[in-house]
Amino acid sequence: MQAEINEKIRVVTLFEEGKIKPFLFSWHKKIYKVLQVPFSYSKDIGKDKMYFFSIQTEGGGFEISFNSNKFSWEITKTL
């Protein structure tokens, strides 16, 4: 069951060969290692360029987003 979250998170990210690769993130004082990114896409929302990542961790599936104008990350929902 999906649940909307929309909370700020801290993400360790690799910027490699012109791509954004989330490596791990911290949410509610817990560290989640990204095991797989089965799907990602980008979208313009107003003036902001947003990148969305469907990710798999040992703690479950999540969607996280990166705002390239604000250089900020959010966890948008559980999958």
Protein backbone atom coordinates (compact mmCIF):
# COMPACT_ATOMS: atom_id res chain seq x y z
CA MET A 1 0.00 0.00 0.00
CA GLN A 2 1.40 3.39 -1.00
CA ALA A 3 1.50 6.22 1.51
CA GLU A 4 2.29 9.88 0.75
CA ILE A 5 5.07 11.26 2.97
CA ASN A 6 6.74 14.41 1.52
CA GLU A 7 9.40 14.86 4.21
CA LYS A 8 12.93 16.26 3.86
CA ILE A 9 15.69 13.65 4.00
CA ARG A 10 19.49 13.58 3.83
CA VAL A 11 20.93 11.57 0.93
CA VAL A 12 24.43 10.40 0.05
CA THR A 13 24.54 10.66 -3.73
CA LEU A 14 26.94 9.86 -6.53
CA PHE A 15 26.95 12.23 -9.48
CA GLU A 16 28.51 10.07 -12.16
CA GLU A 17 28.59 10.30 -15.97
CA GLY A 18 25.85 12.94 -15.99
CA LYS A 19 23.53 10.85 -13.79
CA ILE A 20 22.30 11.16 -10.22
CA LYS A 21 22.69 7.93 -8.23
CA PRO A 22 21.26 7.87 -4.69
CA PHE A 23 23.44 5.63 -2.51
CA LEU A 24 21.87 5.85 0.96
CA PHE A 25 19.53 8.12 2.90
CA SER A 26 18.64 9.01 6.46
CA TRP A 27 14.99 9.19 7.54
CA HIS A 28 13.63 9.22 11.11
CA LYS A 29 17.12 8.59 12.52
CA LYS A 30 17.56 5.42 10.46
CA ILE A 31 19.98 4.83 7.57
CA TYR A 32 18.64 3.11 4.45
CA LYS A 33 21.06 1.73 1.86
CA VAL A 34 19.75 1.88 -1.71
CA LEU A 35 19.93 -1.64 -3.12
CA GLN A 36 18.24 -0.99 -6.44
CA VAL A 37 16.75 1.86 -8.50
CA PRO A 38 14.29 0.10 -10.81
CA PHE A 39 12.77 3.33 -12.16
CA SER A 40 13.58 7.04 -12.36
CA TYR A 41 12.29 10.06 -14.26
CA SER A 42 12.53 13.86 -14.29
CA LYS A 43 9.81 16.47 -14.43
CA ASP A 44 9.58 20.27 -14.49
CA ILE A 45 7.35 21.59 -11.71
CA GLY A 46 7.04 25.34 -12.09
CA LYS A 47 10.59 26.68 -12.14
CA ASP A 48 11.98 23.57 -10.42
CA LYS A 49 13.55 20.59 -12.17
CA MET A 50 12.65 17.49 -10.16
CA TYR A 51 14.17 14.02 -10.36
CA PHE A 52 12.18 11.09 -8.97
CA PHE A 53 13.63 7.70 -8.02
CA SER A 54 11.77 4.52 -7.19
CA ILE A 55 14.18 2.71 -4.88
CA GLN A 56 14.44 -0.59 -3.04
CA THR A 57 16.08 -0.90 0.38
CA GLU A 58 16.17 -3.67 2.97
CA GLY A 59 13.50 -1.62 4.78
CA GLY A 60 11.13 -1.61 1.78
CA GLY A 61 10.39 0.43 -1.31
CA PHE A 62 10.28 4.22 -1.46
CA GLU A 63 10.04 7.07 -3.91
CA ILE A 64 12.51 9.88 -3.28
CA SER A 65 12.91 13.15 -5.16
CA PHE A 66 15.71 15.59 -5.81
CA ASN A 67 15.07 19.28 -6.52
CA SER A 68 18.04 20.40 -8.63
CA ASN A 69 17.29 24.12 -8.17
CA LYS A 70 17.19 23.94 -4.36
CA PHE A 71 19.64 20.99 -4.08
CA SER A 72 17.25 19.30 -1.65
CA TRP A 73 15.88 15.78 -1.24
CA GLU A 74 12.48 14.50 -0.05
CA ILE A 75 11.01 11.11 0.56
CA THR A 76 7.72 11.39 -1.30
CA LYS A 77 6.05 8.06 -0.58
CA THR A 78 6.38 4.44 0.45
CA LEU A 79 5.84 1.82 -2.22
